[in-house]
């Protein structure tokens, strides 16, 4: 009898019966690859489930996992969920106060952590809590309990019948509690059900055409985007390979040679920037051919005629083939989410025969609402709505969604749930958007991030920011100006590109700190600002800016784990600089 997938853990039996393999889930730990075949993986899951039952975990229990991507993350995930317990992912970068809040709020009783560093981070937090929390580590850590104590085949546990636990789990039961990053106050626990995720990966399967045999994963599994993609790979007979870290990703891509990976736009921008740097270093006819191919890529459209297609064929053979090789040579699909993808970048990757499919969703929508896919792609949009989900645009431009993707609610926050999901079941996303050609959704900005100047004009900062980031010298940027006379920008330069530019201009490069005060550098960025803003309305144009010497990061609290700006944090950290920009502008007298 064929397996019907109604709960996420049904994926395991589905894989065992339909396409068992030797490389089901694979991870690289300390330089060595560990491969789990389907049978070995499923056995490890069942053994751990029995170990959890033996320490009192059952339906409704709360078990947290704090780890970077590795096969053990998935083993614990499935072992927890098939008991009907709630899996609570913890970002490894979380601050101690957020960890404490989540552990208390979710009433967690067991935590799995990856290594010694995370154990050292978590242990003092757990010791300060009233309820005793058991900690188990994936790596062997002195004085810590290893997960191997639970994950064993034991004659003592043979009496535990896991089928009885699985049968108790219903599609509408909670699978996971995911706490938002808390960019605006206390983290909120998003309750997602088995049905939310099952329907989401089933109806997102349009993303993956046939032949996707290997998927590389490096975005955090703690975020629902990557977690759903991994479930999608399992559903579509795709082996999962975890990169060891962002530092090893180039070598890992060359080793795995994946057919697919998911990413955020900033990482694609970095890949593109590195390729462009190599192109600029070329000379003569090679350099001419390189930039000719890039210009062909920028013109990519699906309906282009035969003359363009002939040129594209030449560009692919001479130039873009090398781009493909830089990403392993076998890419069939790149999935992009988490932030807006620059349409120009999307066109170039498509021209290079590496299709990028941009999608849209939130943690609360588990996550996919819309996604571009083969035969249904429009640049500058996040694609058509997936099956089983409805989207409409409210009178104020806000995107509303309804259907199987919508969360059960916020954990123990009925008030917030009622604010977000209206009486007709529409989830209010907080994003501003519009429908293009009647079926492609285009997101223009976050509702809360659009600001009004002192003159009463509205400015959508993300549109400006995305335009600025088309320039290789701009690494990060934030546009602001709430209740001010005009918008200003905080800019973090791409210091690698700035160094190359300074060398070309014969400007001595001192330090990153020093260069942001160099007048020639300031003049260069002034020209970038003026060029970028020329097609925007006068009220939208950035009039002043400051260059910052240090990148914003997750560790410093300025970025979320999916690399989105925490605007309030950036504003607070740079308030003196911002005040100085406006003060100097007020006192500036035209000569």
Protein backbone atom coordinates (compact mmCIF):
# COMPACT_ATOMS: atom_id res chain seq x y z
CA UNK A 1 0.00 0.00 0.00
CA UNK A 2 1.44 3.35 -1.08
CA UNK A 3 2.35 5.77 1.69
CA UNK A 4 0.08 8.79 2.00
CA UNK A 5 1.97 11.74 3.42
CA UNK A 6 -0.20 13.62 5.92
CA UNK A 7 2.42 14.21 8.62
CA UNK A 8 6.00 15.29 7.98
CA UNK A 9 7.53 12.09 9.39
CA UNK A 10 5.60 10.09 6.78
CA UNK A 11 8.41 11.23 4.47
CA UNK A 12 10.64 8.55 6.00
CA UNK A 13 8.46 5.58 5.10
CA UNK A 14 7.76 7.26 1.74
CA UNK A 15 11.50 7.33 1.03
CA UNK A 16 12.10 3.78 2.29
CA UNK A 17 9.43 2.41 -0.04
CA UNK A 18 10.02 4.58 -3.12
CA UNK A 19 13.67 5.56 -3.41
CA UNK A 20 16.03 4.29 -0.69
CA UNK A 21 19.59 5.47 -1.28
CA UNK A 22 23.07 5.44 0.24
CA UNK A 23 23.34 9.23 0.49
CA UNK A 24 19.97 10.29 1.91
CA UNK A 25 21.41 12.93 4.31
CA UNK A 26 25.07 13.95 4.26
CA UNK A 27 27.14 16.32 6.37
CA UNK A 28 30.71 17.52 6.56
CA UNK A 29 32.01 17.73 10.12
CA UNK A 30 35.61 18.83 10.81
CA UNK A 31 36.57 18.25 7.20
CA UNK A 32 35.15 14.72 6.85
CA UNK A 33 31.92 13.73 5.13
CA UNK A 34 29.43 11.53 6.97
CA UNK A 35 26.79 9.87 4.80
CA UNK A 36 23.53 8.46 6.09
CA UNK A 37 21.69 6.05 3.82
CA UNK A 38 17.89 6.03 4.06
CA UNK A 39 17.75 2.84 6.15
CA UNK A 40 20.55 3.95 8.49
CA UNK A 41 18.92 7.36 8.93
CA UNK A 42 15.48 5.91 9.72
CA UNK A 43 17.00 3.45 12.21
CA UNK A 44 18.83 6.31 13.95
CA UNK A 45 15.59 8.31 14.16
CA UNK A 46 13.67 5.39 15.71
CA UNK A 47 16.47 4.63 18.19
CA UNK A 48 16.51 8.26 19.32
CA UNK A 49 12.71 8.37 19.59
CA UNK A 50 12.83 5.38 21.94
CA UNK A 51 15.59 7.05 23.95
CA UNK A 52 13.43 10.16 24.29
CA UNK A 53 10.42 8.13 25.38
CA UNK A 54 12.65 6.50 27.99
CA UNK A 55 13.33 9.93 29.59
CA UNK A 56 9.69 10.96 29.55
CA UNK A 57 9.22 12.70 26.19
CA UNK A 58 5.83 12.16 24.55
CA UNK A 59 3.02 13.94 22.77
CA UNK A 60 3.02 17.64 23.62
CA UNK A 61 6.54 17.68 25.11
CA UNK A 62 8.87 20.49 23.98
CA UNK A 63 12.36 19.64 22.74
CA UNK A 64 14.77 22.27 21.42
CA UNK A 65 17.64 21.90 18.91
CA UNK A 66 20.50 24.41 18.79
CA UNK A 67 22.92 23.49 16.04
CA UNK A 68 24.39 24.47 12.72
CA UNK A 69 23.24 22.36 9.75
CA UNK A 70 24.30 18.72 10.07
CA UNK A 71 22.55 15.31 9.77
CA UNK A 72 22.01 15.14 13.53
CA UNK A 73 19.70 18.16 13.24
CA UNK A 74 17.40 16.12 10.99
CA UNK A 75 17.66 12.96 13.08
CA UNK A 76 16.54 14.83 16.20
CA UNK A 77 13.85 16.70 14.22
CA UNK A 78 12.20 13.47 13.03
CA UNK A 79 12.74 11.66 16.34
CA UNK A 80 10.92 14.48 18.16
CA UNK A 81 8.06 14.94 15.69
CA UNK A 82 7.04 11.29 15.36
CA UNK A 83 6.37 11.24 19.12
CA UNK A 84 3.99 14.17 18.75
CA UNK A 85 6.39 16.45 20.66
CA UNK A 86 7.05 20.04 19.53
CA UNK A 87 10.44 20.70 17.96
CA UNK A 88 11.76 24.16 18.94
CA UNK A 89 14.70 25.35 16.77
CA UNK A 90 17.17 27.76 18.39
CA UNK A 91 19.46 29.86 16.20
CA UNK A 92 23.09 29.31 17.27
CA UNK A 93 23.54 33.11 17.19
CA UNK A 94 20.75 33.87 19.70
CA UNK A 95 21.61 36.13 22.63
CA UNK A 96 21.34 34.65 26.14
CA UNK A 97 18.24 36.70 27.03
CA UNK A 98 16.39 35.43 23.94
CA UNK A 99 17.42 31.82 24.68
CA UNK A 100 16.13 32.20 28.25
CA UNK A 101 12.82 33.66 27.06
CA UNK A 102 12.24 30.89 24.50
CA UNK A 103 13.15 28.03 26.85
CA UNK A 104 10.79 29.40 29.52
CA UNK A 105 8.00 30.43 27.18
CA UNK A 106 7.97 27.12 25.28
CA UNK A 107 8.44 25.10 28.48
CA UNK A 108 11.33 23.16 26.96
CA UNK A 109 12.49 20.11 28.88
CA UNK A 110 15.32 18.80 26.63
CA UNK A 111 17.83 20.63 24.42
CA UNK A 112 20.20 19.15 21.83
CA UNK A 113 23.27 21.29 21.08
CA UNK A 114 25.95 20.78 18.44
CA UNK A 115 29.28 21.35 20.11
CA UNK A 116 31.34 22.60 23.02
CA UNK A 117 30.90 26.29 22.16
CA UNK A 118 27.11 26.09 22.09
CA UNK A 119 27.07 23.92 25.21
CA UNK A 120 29.10 26.59 27.02
CA UNK A 121 26.63 29.22 25.81
CA UNK A 122 23.51 27.28 26.80
CA UNK A 123 24.53 25.67 30.10
CA UNK A 124 24.58 28.83 32.28
CA UNK A 125 21.22 29.89 30.83
CA UNK A 126 19.65 26.53 31.69
CA UNK A 127 21.17 26.57 35.17
CA UNK A 128 19.41 29.87 35.84
CA UNK A 129 15.97 28.43 35.09
CA UNK A 130 13.63 26.95 37.65
CA UNK A 131 12.65 23.86 35.66
CA UNK A 132 15.46 21.37 35.08
CA UNK A 133 16.43 21.15 31.41
CA UNK A 134 18.46 18.19 30.15
CA UNK A 135 21.20 19.07 27.63
CA UNK A 136 22.63 16.55 25.15
CA UNK A 137 25.51 17.29 22.74
CA UNK A 138 26.17 15.94 19.25
CA UNK A 139 29.94 16.29 19.62
CA UNK A 140 31.71 14.68 22.56
CA UNK A 141 32.07 17.39 25.20
CA UNK A 142 33.76 16.91 28.57
CA UNK A 143 31.30 16.81 31.51
CA UNK A 144 28.33 16.93 29.10
CA UNK A 145 25.80 14.22 28.27
CA UNK A 146 26.22 12.90 24.72
CA UNK A 147 23.20 12.31 22.54
CA UNK A 148 24.63 8.81 21.99
CA UNK A 149 23.28 7.94 25.43
CA UNK A 150 19.82 8.23 23.90
CA UNK A 151 20.51 7.28 20.29
CA UNK A 152 21.23 3.58 20.85
CA UNK A 153 19.65 0.29 19.92
CA UNK A 154 18.89 -1.19 23.32
CA UNK A 155 17.18 -4.43 24.30
CA UNK A 156 15.74 -2.55 27.28
CA UNK A 157 13.79 -0.29 24.92
CA UNK A 158 12.44 -2.93 22.53
CA UNK A 159 9.09 -2.87 24.31
CA UNK A 160 8.47 0.71 23.11
CA UNK A 161 6.07 0.58 20.17
CA UNK A 162 6.66 3.73 18.14
CA UNK A 163 3.63 3.03 15.94
CA UNK A 164 1.41 3.82 18.91
CA UNK A 165 3.03 7.26 19.17
CA UNK A 166 2.86 7.90 15.43
CA UNK A 167 -0.82 6.98 15.29
CA UNK A 168 -1.62 9.63 17.90
CA UNK A 169 -0.17 12.42 15.73
CA UNK A 170 -2.79 14.12 13.53
CA UNK A 171 -2.16 16.40 10.53
CA UNK A 172 -3.40 19.47 12.42
CA UNK A 173 -1.17 18.80 15.45
CA UNK A 174 1.68 21.20 16.11
CA UNK A 175 4.95 20.14 14.51
CA UNK A 176 7.16 23.00 15.60
CA UNK A 177 7.32 26.24 17.57
CA UNK A 178 9.51 28.72 15.71
CA UNK A 179 10.33 31.95 17.48
CA UNK A 180 10.70 34.99 15.29
CA UNK A 181 13.99 36.85 15.54
CA UNK A 182 12.45 39.54 17.71
CA UNK A 183 13.35 42.57 15.55
CA UNK A 184 10.53 44.44 17.29
CA UNK A 185 10.50 43.38 20.92
CA UNK A 186 9.86 39.98 22.48
CA UNK A 187 10.16 36.93 20.18
CA UNK A 188 6.83 35.36 19.18
CA UNK A 189 6.36 31.60 18.96
CA UNK A 190 4.85 30.65 15.60
CA UNK A 191 2.85 27.40 15.80
CA UNK A 192 3.15 25.41 12.56
CA UNK A 193 1.37 22.10 12.05
CA UNK A 194 2.28 18.96 10.13
CA UNK A 195 -0.38 19.90 7.58
CA UNK A 196 1.14 23.38 7.13
CA UNK A 197 4.50 21.90 6.13
CA UNK A 198 3.24 18.86 4.20
CA UNK A 199 0.99 20.95 1.96
CA UNK A 200 3.74 23.54 1.61
CA UNK A 201 6.41 21.17 0.31
CA UNK A 202 3.92 19.23 -1.82
CA UNK A 203 2.68 22.39 -3.53
CA UNK A 204 6.16 23.89 -3.79
CA UNK A 205 7.39 20.81 -5.66
CA UNK A 206 6.76 22.70 -8.93
CA UNK A 207 10.16 24.28 -8.15
CA UNK A 208 12.09 21.11 -8.85
CA UNK A 209 12.03 19.61 -12.34
CA UNK A 210 13.22 16.04 -12.89
CA UNK A 211 16.90 15.24 -12.48
CA UNK A 212 17.50 17.09 -9.23
CA UNK A 213 19.53 14.39 -7.49
CA UNK A 214 21.74 16.46 -5.17
CA UNK A 215 20.81 19.54 -3.16
CA UNK A 216 23.40 21.58 -1.25
CA UNK A 217 22.20 23.23 1.96
CA UNK A 218 23.88 26.06 3.85
CA UNK A 219 21.11 28.42 5.01
CA UNK A 220 20.15 27.78 8.66
CA UNK A 221 17.71 24.91 9.27
CA UNK A 222 16.51 26.93 12.26
CA UNK A 223 14.66 29.08 9.72
CA UNK A 224 11.54 27.59 8.16
CA UNK A 225 12.67 28.43 4.61
CA UNK A 226 15.63 26.04 4.56
CA UNK A 227 13.83 23.45 6.68
CA UNK A 228 10.94 23.31 4.19
CA UNK A 229 13.41 23.08 1.28
CA UNK A 230 15.07 20.06 2.93
CA UNK A 231 11.65 18.40 3.37
CA UNK A 232 11.02 19.24 -0.30
CA UNK A 233 14.28 17.53 -1.32
CA UNK A 234 13.22 14.43 0.63
CA UNK A 235 9.83 14.49 -1.11
CA UNK A 236 11.43 14.79 -4.57
CA UNK A 237 14.10 12.06 -4.27
CA UNK A 238 16.94 14.56 -3.83
CA UNK A 239 19.92 13.75 -1.61
CA UNK A 240 20.76 16.48 0.90
CA UNK A 241 24.36 17.64 1.42
CA UNK A 242 25.24 20.15 4.14
CA UNK A 243 28.14 22.52 3.56
CA UNK A 244 30.46 22.56 6.57
CA UNK A 245 30.39 26.36 6.82
CA UNK A 246 30.29 29.49 4.71
CA UNK A 247 34.10 29.46 4.79
CA UNK A 248 34.24 26.05 3.07
CA UNK A 249 31.30 26.52 0.71
CA UNK A 250 33.39 26.90 -2.47
CA UNK A 251 35.21 23.61 -1.83
CA UNK A 252 31.96 21.91 -0.75
CA UNK A 253 30.18 22.98 -3.95
CA UNK A 254 33.06 21.63 -6.03
CA UNK A 255 32.93 18.32 -4.14
CA UNK A 256 29.15 17.84 -4.17
CA UNK A 257 28.48 19.36 -7.62
CA UNK A 258 24.83 19.99 -6.67
CA UNK A 259 21.87 20.26 -9.03
CA UNK A 260 20.14 22.72 -6.69
CA UNK A 261 20.61 24.97 -3.70
CA UNK A 262 18.59 27.59 -1.87
CA UNK A 263 20.02 30.97 -0.99
CA UNK A 264 19.33 34.56 -0.06
CA UNK A 265 19.99 37.31 -2.64
CA UNK A 266 23.01 38.73 -0.78
CA UNK A 267 24.94 35.49 -1.28
CA UNK A 268 24.13 35.46 -5.01
CA UNK A 269 25.30 39.08 -5.16
CA UNK A 270 28.61 38.04 -3.58
CA UNK A 271 29.06 35.23 -6.14
CA UNK A 272 28.35 37.70 -8.93
CA UNK A 273 30.74 40.31 -7.47
CA UNK A 274 33.60 37.79 -7.29
CA UNK A 275 33.01 36.75 -10.90
CA UNK A 276 32.96 40.41 -11.97
CA UNK A 277 36.23 41.09 -10.13
CA UNK A 278 37.86 38.27 -12.12
CA UNK A 279 36.37 39.70 -15.31
CA UNK A 280 37.83 43.13 -14.62
CA UNK A 281 41.26 41.57 -14.13
CA UNK A 282 41.21 40.16 -17.68
CA UNK A 283 42.86 41.97 -20.57
CA UNK A 284 42.42 42.36 -24.31
CA UNK A 285 39.92 40.24 -26.20
CA UNK A 286 39.16 38.05 -23.17
CA UNK A 287 37.99 41.06 -21.20
CA UNK A 288 35.94 42.31 -24.16
CA UNK A 289 34.23 38.93 -24.54
CA UNK A 290 33.54 38.74 -20.81
CA UNK A 291 31.70 42.06 -20.65
CA UNK A 292 29.94 41.41 -23.97
CA UNK A 293 28.52 38.23 -22.41
CA UNK A 294 27.43 40.15 -19.29
CA UNK A 295 25.63 42.72 -21.48
CA UNK A 296 23.88 39.85 -23.31
CA UNK A 297 22.87 38.43 -19.92
CA UNK A 298 21.36 41.74 -18.81
CA UNK A 299 19.01 41.65 -21.81
CA UNK A 300 17.69 38.14 -21.07
CA UNK A 301 13.94 37.71 -21.63
CA UNK A 302 12.03 34.48 -22.21
CA UNK A 303 10.46 35.80 -25.42
CA UNK A 304 13.69 37.08 -27.04
CA UNK A 305 14.04 36.24 -30.74
CA UNK A 306 16.41 33.92 -32.61
CA UNK A 307 19.16 36.54 -33.10
CA UNK A 308 19.42 37.06 -29.33
CA UNK A 309 19.31 33.31 -28.71
CA UNK A 310 22.17 32.80 -31.15
CA UNK A 311 24.28 35.41 -29.30
CA UNK A 312 23.30 33.84 -25.98
CA UNK A 313 24.43 30.43 -27.20
CA UNK A 314 27.86 31.87 -28.01
CA UNK A 315 28.05 33.67 -24.64
CA UNK A 316 27.16 30.48 -22.81
CA UNK A 317 29.78 28.46 -24.64
CA UNK A 318 32.62 30.99 -24.29
CA UNK A 319 31.93 32.68 -20.94
CA UNK A 320 28.97 31.42 -18.94
CA UNK A 321 30.16 27.81 -19.01
CA UNK A 322 32.95 28.92 -16.65
CA UNK A 323 30.39 30.55 -14.34
CA UNK A 324 28.57 27.22 -14.16
CA UNK A 325 31.82 25.41 -13.35
CA UNK A 326 32.43 27.83 -10.46
CA UNK A 327 29.19 26.49 -8.93
CA UNK A 328 30.01 22.85 -9.57
CA UNK A 329 28.88 22.62 -13.20
CA UNK A 330 25.57 20.82 -12.61
CA UNK A 331 23.20 23.54 -11.38
CA UNK A 332 19.64 23.15 -12.66
CA UNK A 333 17.78 25.26 -10.08
CA UNK A 334 18.64 28.01 -7.58
CA UNK A 335 15.91 28.90 -5.09
CA UNK A 336 16.03 32.46 -3.75
CA UNK A 337 14.08 33.82 -0.79
CA UNK A 338 14.27 35.94 2.34
CA UNK A 339 14.68 39.29 0.56
CA UNK A 340 14.13 40.95 -2.81
CA UNK A 341 16.28 39.65 -5.66
CA UNK A 342 17.62 42.23 -8.10
CA UNK A 343 15.92 41.49 -11.48
CA UNK A 344 19.17 42.31 -13.33
CA UNK A 345 20.98 39.64 -11.31
CA UNK A 346 18.21 37.12 -11.98
CA UNK A 347 18.44 37.75 -15.74
CA UNK A 348 22.22 37.23 -15.76
CA UNK A 349 21.99 33.94 -13.87
CA UNK A 350 19.24 32.73 -16.23
CA UNK A 351 21.41 33.75 -19.18
CA UNK A 352 24.22 31.71 -17.64
CA UNK A 353 21.83 28.73 -17.75
CA UNK A 354 21.43 28.65 -13.96
CA UNK A 355 17.74 29.47 -13.41
CA UNK A 356 16.97 31.39 -10.22
CA UNK A 357 13.45 31.00 -8.88
CA UNK A 358 12.42 33.71 -6.45
CA UNK A 359 9.68 32.99 -3.95
CA UNK A 360 7.93 34.74 -1.10
CA UNK A 361 6.59 33.90 2.32
CA UNK A 362 7.03 34.31 6.05
CA UNK A 363 7.61 32.05 9.03
CA UNK A 364 3.87 32.41 9.72
CA UNK A 365 3.07 31.02 6.25
CA UNK A 366 5.28 27.92 6.59
CA UNK A 367 6.77 29.64 4.47
CA UNK A 368 5.88 29.65 0.75
CA UNK A 369 2.95 31.72 -0.52
CA UNK A 370 4.18 32.36 -4.05
CA UNK A 371 7.11 31.14 -6.13
CA UNK A 372 8.39 31.43 -9.68
CA UNK A 373 9.01 28.12 -11.45
CA UNK A 374 9.65 26.73 -14.94
CA UNK A 375 7.17 28.15 -17.41
CA UNK A 376 5.81 30.50 -14.74
CA UNK A 377 8.51 33.08 -14.10
CA UNK A 378 8.43 36.85 -14.34
CA UNK A 379 11.47 38.91 -13.39
CA UNK A 380 10.92 41.46 -10.65
CA UNK A 381 8.15 39.38 -9.08
CA UNK A 382 8.02 36.60 -6.49
CA UNK A 383 5.90 34.42 -8.75
CA UNK A 384 2.35 33.05 -8.86
CA UNK A 385 0.48 31.78 -5.80
CA UNK A 386 1.02 28.08 -4.98
CA UNK A 387 -1.90 25.65 -5.09
CA UNK A 388 -4.19 25.85 -2.06
CA UNK A 389 -3.28 29.43 -1.13
CA UNK A 390 -5.13 32.65 -1.97
CA UNK A 391 -3.65 36.15 -2.10
CA UNK A 392 -5.37 39.51 -2.28
CA UNK A 393 -4.17 43.10 -1.99
CA UNK A 394 -5.86 45.22 0.69
CA UNK A 395 -6.93 48.81 0.04
CA UNK A 396 -3.73 50.14 1.63
CA UNK A 397 -1.61 47.85 -0.56
CA UNK A 398 -0.89 45.20 2.10
CA UNK A 399 -0.57 41.60 0.89
CA UNK A 400 -3.09 39.26 2.53
CA UNK A 401 -2.91 35.45 2.30
CA UNK A 402 -5.26 32.61 3.18
CA UNK A 403 -5.10 28.80 2.90
CA UNK A 404 -3.18 25.75 4.10
CA UNK A 405 0.07 27.68 4.62
CA UNK A 406 -1.21 29.91 7.42
CA UNK A 407 0.04 29.15 10.92
CA UNK A 408 -2.15 27.88 13.75
CA UNK A 409 -1.31 31.10 15.61
CA UNK A 410 1.21 32.60 18.01
CA UNK A 411 1.91 30.43 21.04
CA UNK A 412 0.03 31.71 24.11
CA UNK A 413 -0.62 35.02 22.31
CA UNK A 414 -4.23 34.93 21.17
CA UNK A 415 -4.18 38.74 21.13
CA UNK A 416 -1.40 38.86 18.54
CA UNK A 417 -2.99 36.05 16.53
CA UNK A 418 -6.27 38.02 16.34
CA UNK A 419 -4.36 41.12 15.21
CA UNK A 420 -2.64 39.20 12.41
CA UNK A 421 -5.33 36.78 11.15
CA UNK A 422 -8.71 38.43 10.62
CA UNK A 423 -12.15 36.87 11.07
CA UNK A 424 -12.25 35.73 7.44
CA UNK A 425 -8.96 33.83 7.82
CA UNK A 426 -6.79 36.35 5.96
CA UNK A 427 -3.24 36.61 7.28
CA UNK A 428 -1.90 40.17 7.16
CA UNK A 429 1.71 39.87 5.97
CA UNK A 430 2.88 43.41 6.72
CA UNK A 431 4.29 43.61 3.18
CA UNK A 432 3.15 46.01 0.46
CA UNK A 433 2.65 44.51 -2.97
CA UNK A 434 0.74 44.36 -6.23
CA UNK A 435 -0.32 41.76 -8.77
CA UNK A 436 1.41 41.91 -12.15
CA UNK A 437 -0.37 40.49 -15.22
CA UNK A 438 -3.12 39.37 -12.87
CA UNK A 439 -1.14 36.49 -11.34
CA UNK A 440 2.46 37.38 -10.43
CA UNK A 441 2.98 38.95 -7.00
CA UNK A 442 5.42 41.85 -6.73
CA UNK A 443 6.56 42.94 -3.26
CA UNK A 444 7.53 46.60 -3.02
CA UNK A 445 8.32 47.07 0.68
CA UNK A 446 7.55 46.25 4.30
CA UNK A 447 4.51 48.19 5.49
CA UNK A 448 6.28 49.13 8.74
CA UNK A 449 9.44 50.22 6.93
CA UNK A 450 7.82 52.73 4.60
CA UNK A 451 8.35 56.12 6.19
CA UNK A 452 6.90 59.58 5.78
CA UNK A 453 9.16 62.60 5.45
CA UNK A 454 8.47 65.87 7.27
CA UNK A 455 6.93 67.07 4.02
CA UNK A 456 4.30 64.31 4.18
CA UNK A 457 5.75 62.25 1.31
CA UNK A 458 6.04 58.45 1.60
CA UNK A 459 9.37 56.71 0.86
CA UNK A 460 9.82 52.94 0.36
CA UNK A 461 13.43 52.38 1.48
CA UNK A 462 13.93 48.84 0.14
CA UNK A 463 13.46 49.95 -3.46
CA UNK A 464 16.21 52.54 -3.05
CA UNK A 465 18.45 50.13 -1.14
CA UNK A 466 18.18 47.42 -3.79
CA UNK A 467 19.10 49.98 -6.45
CA UNK A 468 22.17 51.09 -4.48
CA UNK A 469 23.34 47.48 -4.12
CA UNK A 470 23.59 47.16 -7.90
CA UNK A 471 26.89 49.05 -7.48
CA UNK A 472 29.79 46.76 -6.60
CA UNK A 473 31.24 49.32 -4.16
CA UNK A 474 28.13 49.13 -1.94
CA UNK A 475 28.11 46.14 0.44
CA UNK A 476 25.25 47.17 2.76
CA UNK A 477 22.95 50.18 2.88
CA UNK A 478 20.04 51.49 4.92
CA UNK A 479 17.88 54.42 3.86
CA UNK A 480 16.06 56.37 6.59
CA UNK A 481 14.25 59.65 7.10
CA UNK A 482 11.10 59.26 9.20
CA UNK A 483 9.71 62.77 9.91
CA UNK A 484 12.85 64.36 8.50
CA UNK A 485 13.14 66.87 5.67
CA UNK A 486 14.78 64.35 3.33
CA UNK A 487 16.09 60.74 3.22
CA UNK A 488 19.70 59.90 4.13
CA UNK A 489 21.68 56.67 3.84
CA UNK A 490 24.08 54.69 6.00
CA UNK A 491 26.45 52.81 3.68
CA UNK A 492 28.94 50.05 4.40
CA UNK A 493 31.36 49.89 1.45
CA UNK A 494 32.47 46.64 -0.16
CA UNK A 495 36.03 47.06 1.11
CA UNK A 496 37.51 44.46 -1.24
CA UNK A 497 36.10 46.30 -4.25
CA UNK A 498 37.03 49.66 -2.71
CA UNK A 499 40.63 48.54 -2.36
CA UNK A 500 40.73 47.50 -6.03
CA UNK A 501 39.18 50.84 -7.05
CA UNK A 502 41.67 52.83 -4.93
CA UNK A 503 44.58 50.91 -6.46
CA UNK A 504 43.32 51.65 -9.95
CA UNK A 505 42.97 55.36 -9.08
CA UNK A 506 46.43 55.31 -7.41
CA UNK A 507 44.91 56.31 -4.07
CA UNK A 508 46.93 54.93 -1.12
CA UNK A 509 44.76 52.49 0.86
CA UNK A 510 45.28 52.88 4.60
CA UNK A 511 42.64 51.00 6.61
CA UNK A 512 38.91 50.42 6.22
CA UNK A 513 38.40 52.88 9.08
CA UNK A 514 40.59 55.47 7.41
CA UNK A 515 39.17 55.11 3.90
CA UNK A 516 35.60 55.99 4.88
CA UNK A 517 36.92 59.49 5.72
CA UNK A 518 39.02 59.82 2.55
CA UNK A 519 37.62 62.72 0.52
CA UNK A 520 38.16 60.98 -2.84
CA UNK A 521 36.24 57.97 -1.57
CA UNK A 522 33.46 60.22 -0.24
CA UNK A 523 33.29 61.97 -3.63
CA UNK A 524 33.03 58.61 -5.39
CA UNK A 525 30.10 57.55 -3.21
CA UNK A 526 28.48 60.96 -3.73
CA UNK A 527 28.51 60.28 -7.46
CA UNK A 528 27.04 56.80 -6.84
CA UNK A 529 24.24 58.36 -4.77
CA UNK A 530 23.45 60.95 -7.45
CA UNK A 531 23.46 58.40 -10.28
CA UNK A 532 21.34 55.88 -8.37
CA UNK A 533 18.71 58.42 -7.31
CA UNK A 534 18.30 60.19 -10.65
CA UNK A 535 15.19 58.24 -11.68
CA UNK A 536 13.44 58.56 -8.31
CA UNK A 537 11.07 61.33 -7.23
CA UNK A 538 12.71 64.42 -5.72
CA UNK A 539 11.28 63.60 -2.27
CA UNK A 540 12.73 60.05 -2.43
CA UNK A 541 16.27 61.06 -3.35
CA UNK A 542 18.98 60.55 -0.74
CA UNK A 543 20.53 63.94 -0.01
CA UNK A 544 23.24 62.99 2.51
CA UNK A 545 25.05 59.83 3.58
CA UNK A 546 27.63 58.41 5.96
CA UNK A 547 30.15 55.65 5.23
CA UNK A 548 30.58 53.10 8.01
CA UNK A 549 33.83 51.15 8.58
CA UNK A 550 32.38 47.84 9.76
CA UNK A 551 29.92 45.39 8.19
CA UNK A 552 26.62 44.76 9.93
CA UNK A 553 26.39 41.17 11.14
CA UNK A 554 24.19 38.58 12.80
CA UNK A 555 26.63 38.32 15.71
CA UNK A 556 26.49 42.06 16.40
CA UNK A 557 22.69 41.97 16.28
CA UNK A 558 22.18 44.17 13.20
CA UNK A 559 21.04 41.32 10.90
CA UNK A 560 18.52 38.53 11.31
CA UNK A 561 19.68 34.94 10.57
CA UNK A 562 18.33 35.34 7.03
CA UNK A 563 20.47 38.50 6.64
CA UNK A 564 17.61 41.01 6.79
CA UNK A 565 18.33 44.37 8.42
CA UNK A 566 17.21 44.92 12.00
CA UNK A 567 16.49 48.57 11.30
CA UNK A 568 15.79 49.58 14.88
CA UNK A 569 19.13 48.16 16.01
CA UNK A 570 21.04 49.90 13.20
CA UNK A 571 19.24 53.17 13.96
CA UNK A 572 20.04 52.94 17.66
CA UNK A 573 23.71 52.06 17.14
CA UNK A 574 24.22 54.91 14.68
CA UNK A 575 21.95 57.59 16.18
CA UNK A 576 24.84 60.02 16.80
CA UNK A 577 26.04 59.68 13.20
CA UNK A 578 22.50 60.19 11.90
CA UNK A 579 22.01 63.31 14.03
CA UNK A 580 25.33 64.68 12.77
CA UNK A 581 24.30 64.09 9.13
CA UNK A 582 21.12 66.12 9.59
CA UNK A 583 22.81 68.76 11.77
CA UNK A 584 25.54 69.32 9.19
CA UNK A 585 22.97 69.48 6.41
CA UNK A 586 20.91 72.08 8.30
CA UNK A 587 23.99 74.25 8.79
CA UNK A 588 25.38 73.79 5.29
CA UNK A 589 25.46 77.02 3.32
CA UNK A 590 25.81 76.94 -0.46
CA UNK A 591 28.98 78.87 -1.41
